[in-house]
N, C-alpha and C. Protein backbone atom coordinates (compact mmCIF):
# COMPACT_ATOMS: atom_id res chain seq x y z
N MET A 1 -25.41 -2.24 8.75
CA MET A 1 -25.32 -0.90 9.27
C MET A 1 -26.58 -0.13 8.89
N LYS A 2 -27.14 0.55 9.86
CA LYS A 2 -28.31 1.37 9.60
C LYS A 2 -27.86 2.77 9.23
N ALA A 3 -28.24 3.21 8.04
CA ALA A 3 -27.87 4.54 7.58
C ALA A 3 -28.55 5.59 8.44
N LEU A 4 -27.86 6.69 8.64
CA LEU A 4 -28.42 7.80 9.40
C LEU A 4 -29.33 8.63 8.51
N ASN A 5 -30.32 9.23 9.10
CA ASN A 5 -31.23 10.11 8.36
C ASN A 5 -31.09 11.52 8.90
N PHE A 6 -31.07 12.47 8.00
CA PHE A 6 -30.90 13.87 8.36
C PHE A 6 -32.12 14.66 7.94
N GLU A 7 -32.32 15.78 8.59
CA GLU A 7 -33.48 16.63 8.30
C GLU A 7 -33.32 17.35 6.98
N GLN A 8 -32.13 17.84 6.72
CA GLN A 8 -31.89 18.62 5.51
C GLN A 8 -31.37 17.71 4.39
N SER A 9 -31.87 17.93 3.19
CA SER A 9 -31.45 17.09 2.05
C SER A 9 -29.97 17.27 1.75
N ALA A 10 -29.43 18.47 1.97
CA ALA A 10 -28.00 18.69 1.73
C ALA A 10 -27.16 17.87 2.71
N SER A 11 -27.60 17.78 3.94
CA SER A 11 -26.90 16.96 4.94
C SER A 11 -26.94 15.49 4.55
N GLN A 12 -28.09 15.04 4.09
CA GLN A 12 -28.23 13.64 3.69
C GLN A 12 -27.30 13.33 2.53
N LYS A 13 -27.19 14.25 1.57
CA LYS A 13 -26.30 14.06 0.43
C LYS A 13 -24.84 13.99 0.88
N ILE A 14 -24.45 14.88 1.77
CA ILE A 14 -23.07 14.88 2.29
C ILE A 14 -22.77 13.55 2.98
N TYR A 15 -23.69 13.11 3.82
CA TYR A 15 -23.54 11.85 4.54
C TYR A 15 -23.44 10.68 3.55
N ASN A 16 -24.39 10.60 2.62
CA ASN A 16 -24.40 9.50 1.66
C ASN A 16 -23.11 9.46 0.83
N ASP A 17 -22.66 10.63 0.40
CA ASP A 17 -21.42 10.70 -0.37
C ASP A 17 -20.23 10.21 0.46
N TYR A 18 -20.18 10.63 1.71
CA TYR A 18 -19.07 10.23 2.59
C TYR A 18 -19.07 8.72 2.81
N ILE A 19 -20.25 8.16 3.08
CA ILE A 19 -20.37 6.71 3.28
C ILE A 19 -19.99 5.96 2.00
N ASN A 20 -20.42 6.46 0.85
CA ASN A 20 -20.06 5.81 -0.42
C ASN A 20 -18.55 5.86 -0.68
N ARG A 21 -17.90 6.93 -0.27
CA ARG A 21 -16.43 7.02 -0.40
C ARG A 21 -15.77 5.97 0.48
N ILE A 22 -16.31 5.75 1.67
CA ILE A 22 -15.79 4.71 2.56
C ILE A 22 -15.97 3.34 1.90
N LYS A 23 -17.15 3.10 1.35
CA LYS A 23 -17.42 1.82 0.69
C LYS A 23 -16.46 1.57 -0.47
N ARG A 24 -16.22 2.59 -1.28
CA ARG A 24 -15.28 2.44 -2.41
C ARG A 24 -13.87 2.18 -1.91
N THR A 25 -13.48 2.88 -0.86
CA THR A 25 -12.12 2.77 -0.34
C THR A 25 -11.87 1.42 0.31
N THR A 26 -12.90 0.82 0.85
CA THR A 26 -12.74 -0.46 1.55
C THR A 26 -13.16 -1.66 0.70
N ALA A 27 -13.38 -1.45 -0.57
CA ALA A 27 -13.89 -2.52 -1.45
C ALA A 27 -12.99 -3.75 -1.48
N THR A 28 -11.71 -3.59 -1.22
CA THR A 28 -10.79 -4.74 -1.28
C THR A 28 -10.75 -5.54 0.02
N LEU A 29 -11.39 -5.03 1.06
CA LEU A 29 -11.41 -5.72 2.36
C LEU A 29 -12.47 -6.82 2.36
N THR A 30 -12.38 -7.70 3.33
CA THR A 30 -13.42 -8.72 3.48
C THR A 30 -14.74 -8.05 3.84
N LYS A 31 -15.82 -8.76 3.61
CA LYS A 31 -17.14 -8.22 3.91
C LYS A 31 -17.25 -7.82 5.38
N GLU A 32 -16.74 -8.66 6.24
CA GLU A 32 -16.79 -8.37 7.68
C GLU A 32 -15.99 -7.12 8.03
N ASP A 33 -14.79 -6.99 7.47
CA ASP A 33 -13.96 -5.81 7.74
C ASP A 33 -14.61 -4.54 7.18
N ARG A 34 -15.19 -4.62 5.98
CA ARG A 34 -15.89 -3.46 5.41
C ARG A 34 -17.03 -3.03 6.34
N HIS A 35 -17.77 -4.01 6.82
CA HIS A 35 -18.88 -3.73 7.73
C HIS A 35 -18.39 -3.06 9.02
N ASP A 36 -17.31 -3.59 9.58
CA ASP A 36 -16.75 -3.01 10.81
C ASP A 36 -16.31 -1.56 10.61
N VAL A 37 -15.66 -1.29 9.50
CA VAL A 37 -15.19 0.07 9.20
C VAL A 37 -16.40 1.01 9.05
N LEU A 38 -17.40 0.56 8.31
CA LEU A 38 -18.60 1.38 8.14
C LEU A 38 -19.29 1.65 9.47
N LEU A 39 -19.39 0.63 10.30
CA LEU A 39 -20.01 0.81 11.61
C LEU A 39 -19.25 1.84 12.45
N GLU A 40 -17.95 1.75 12.40
CA GLU A 40 -17.12 2.66 13.19
C GLU A 40 -17.30 4.12 12.74
N PHE A 41 -17.22 4.35 11.44
CA PHE A 41 -17.41 5.71 10.93
C PHE A 41 -18.83 6.19 11.21
N ASN A 42 -19.81 5.33 10.96
CA ASN A 42 -21.20 5.70 11.18
C ASN A 42 -21.43 6.09 12.65
N SER A 43 -20.84 5.32 13.55
CA SER A 43 -20.96 5.59 14.97
C SER A 43 -20.36 6.95 15.33
N HIS A 44 -19.19 7.24 14.77
CA HIS A 44 -18.54 8.54 15.03
C HIS A 44 -19.42 9.68 14.53
N ILE A 45 -20.00 9.51 13.37
CA ILE A 45 -20.86 10.56 12.81
C ILE A 45 -22.11 10.72 13.69
N TYR A 46 -22.73 9.62 14.04
CA TYR A 46 -23.94 9.67 14.88
C TYR A 46 -23.65 10.37 16.21
N GLU A 47 -22.62 9.91 16.90
CA GLU A 47 -22.27 10.49 18.21
C GLU A 47 -21.87 11.95 18.07
N GLY A 48 -21.11 12.26 17.04
CA GLY A 48 -20.67 13.64 16.82
C GLY A 48 -21.83 14.58 16.57
N MET A 49 -22.81 14.12 15.81
CA MET A 49 -23.97 14.96 15.53
C MET A 49 -24.81 15.18 16.79
N LYS A 50 -24.86 14.19 17.65
CA LYS A 50 -25.60 14.33 18.91
C LYS A 50 -24.87 15.29 19.86
N ARG A 51 -23.55 15.25 19.82
CA ARG A 51 -22.72 16.03 20.75
C ARG A 51 -22.61 17.50 20.31
N GLU A 52 -22.49 17.72 19.01
CA GLU A 52 -22.29 19.08 18.51
C GLU A 52 -23.56 19.91 18.63
N SER A 53 -23.38 21.15 18.98
CA SER A 53 -24.52 22.06 19.01
C SER A 53 -24.09 23.37 18.36
N GLY A 54 -25.05 24.12 17.95
CA GLY A 54 -24.75 25.39 17.30
C GLY A 54 -24.46 25.19 15.82
N GLY A 55 -24.89 26.14 15.03
CA GLY A 55 -24.68 26.03 13.60
C GLY A 55 -25.72 25.15 12.95
N SER A 56 -25.73 25.16 11.66
CA SER A 56 -26.71 24.36 10.94
C SER A 56 -26.29 22.89 10.93
N GLU A 57 -27.23 22.04 10.60
CA GLU A 57 -26.95 20.61 10.50
C GLU A 57 -25.85 20.36 9.47
N VAL A 58 -25.92 21.06 8.35
CA VAL A 58 -24.91 20.91 7.30
C VAL A 58 -23.53 21.31 7.83
N ASP A 59 -23.46 22.45 8.50
CA ASP A 59 -22.18 22.92 9.04
C ASP A 59 -21.60 21.94 10.05
N ARG A 60 -22.45 21.41 10.91
CA ARG A 60 -21.98 20.45 11.92
C ARG A 60 -21.47 19.18 11.26
N LEU A 61 -22.20 18.70 10.25
CA LEU A 61 -21.79 17.48 9.56
C LEU A 61 -20.49 17.70 8.78
N LEU A 62 -20.37 18.83 8.11
CA LEU A 62 -19.14 19.11 7.37
C LEU A 62 -17.94 19.19 8.30
N LYS A 63 -18.11 19.84 9.45
CA LYS A 63 -17.03 19.93 10.42
C LYS A 63 -16.65 18.54 10.92
N LEU A 64 -17.64 17.74 11.19
CA LEU A 64 -17.42 16.39 11.69
C LEU A 64 -16.68 15.52 10.66
N THR A 65 -17.13 15.53 9.43
CA THR A 65 -16.46 14.71 8.41
C THR A 65 -15.05 15.24 8.11
N GLU A 66 -14.88 16.54 8.22
CA GLU A 66 -13.54 17.11 8.04
C GLU A 66 -12.61 16.62 9.15
N ASN A 67 -13.12 16.58 10.38
CA ASN A 67 -12.31 16.10 11.51
C ASN A 67 -12.01 14.61 11.39
N LEU A 68 -12.96 13.84 10.85
CA LEU A 68 -12.72 12.40 10.64
C LEU A 68 -11.67 12.19 9.55
N GLY A 69 -11.66 13.08 8.60
CA GLY A 69 -10.67 13.00 7.53
C GLY A 69 -11.22 12.35 6.27
N SER A 70 -10.49 12.52 5.21
CA SER A 70 -10.85 11.94 3.93
C SER A 70 -10.74 10.41 4.02
N PRO A 71 -11.81 9.69 3.68
CA PRO A 71 -11.73 8.22 3.75
C PRO A 71 -10.57 7.66 2.92
N GLU A 72 -10.30 8.29 1.79
CA GLU A 72 -9.22 7.82 0.93
C GLU A 72 -7.85 7.91 1.61
N GLU A 73 -7.67 8.91 2.46
CA GLU A 73 -6.41 9.07 3.18
C GLU A 73 -6.39 8.25 4.47
N VAL A 74 -7.46 8.36 5.24
CA VAL A 74 -7.53 7.69 6.54
C VAL A 74 -7.45 6.18 6.38
N LEU A 75 -8.08 5.66 5.33
CA LEU A 75 -8.15 4.21 5.14
C LEU A 75 -7.08 3.68 4.21
N LYS A 76 -6.17 4.53 3.77
CA LYS A 76 -5.10 4.09 2.86
C LYS A 76 -4.33 2.89 3.40
N PRO A 77 -4.00 2.84 4.69
CA PRO A 77 -3.26 1.68 5.20
C PRO A 77 -4.03 0.36 5.07
N CYS A 78 -5.35 0.42 4.97
CA CYS A 78 -6.16 -0.79 4.83
C CYS A 78 -5.99 -1.44 3.46
N ASN A 79 -5.54 -0.69 2.50
CA ASN A 79 -5.47 -1.17 1.13
C ASN A 79 -4.06 -1.56 0.70
N ARG A 80 -3.24 -1.91 1.64
CA ARG A 80 -1.87 -2.31 1.29
C ARG A 80 -1.75 -3.80 1.24
């Protein structure tokens, strides 16, 4: 998975933290499944950032990750 790059350092930190939470949450999955989950979330973030307009980059990213949900909650069924 190719990590996304953001213009603002705060946006990059938010993104990196969110991706790291996904990685921690999916640590018990197979390598292939972890990769698939990361690709899916990364794709949603990429597409969402392209689609959203208005507001700062940080605000758009925060709104997007909020809509995607907490990785710990969204991915809970994966860890059963």
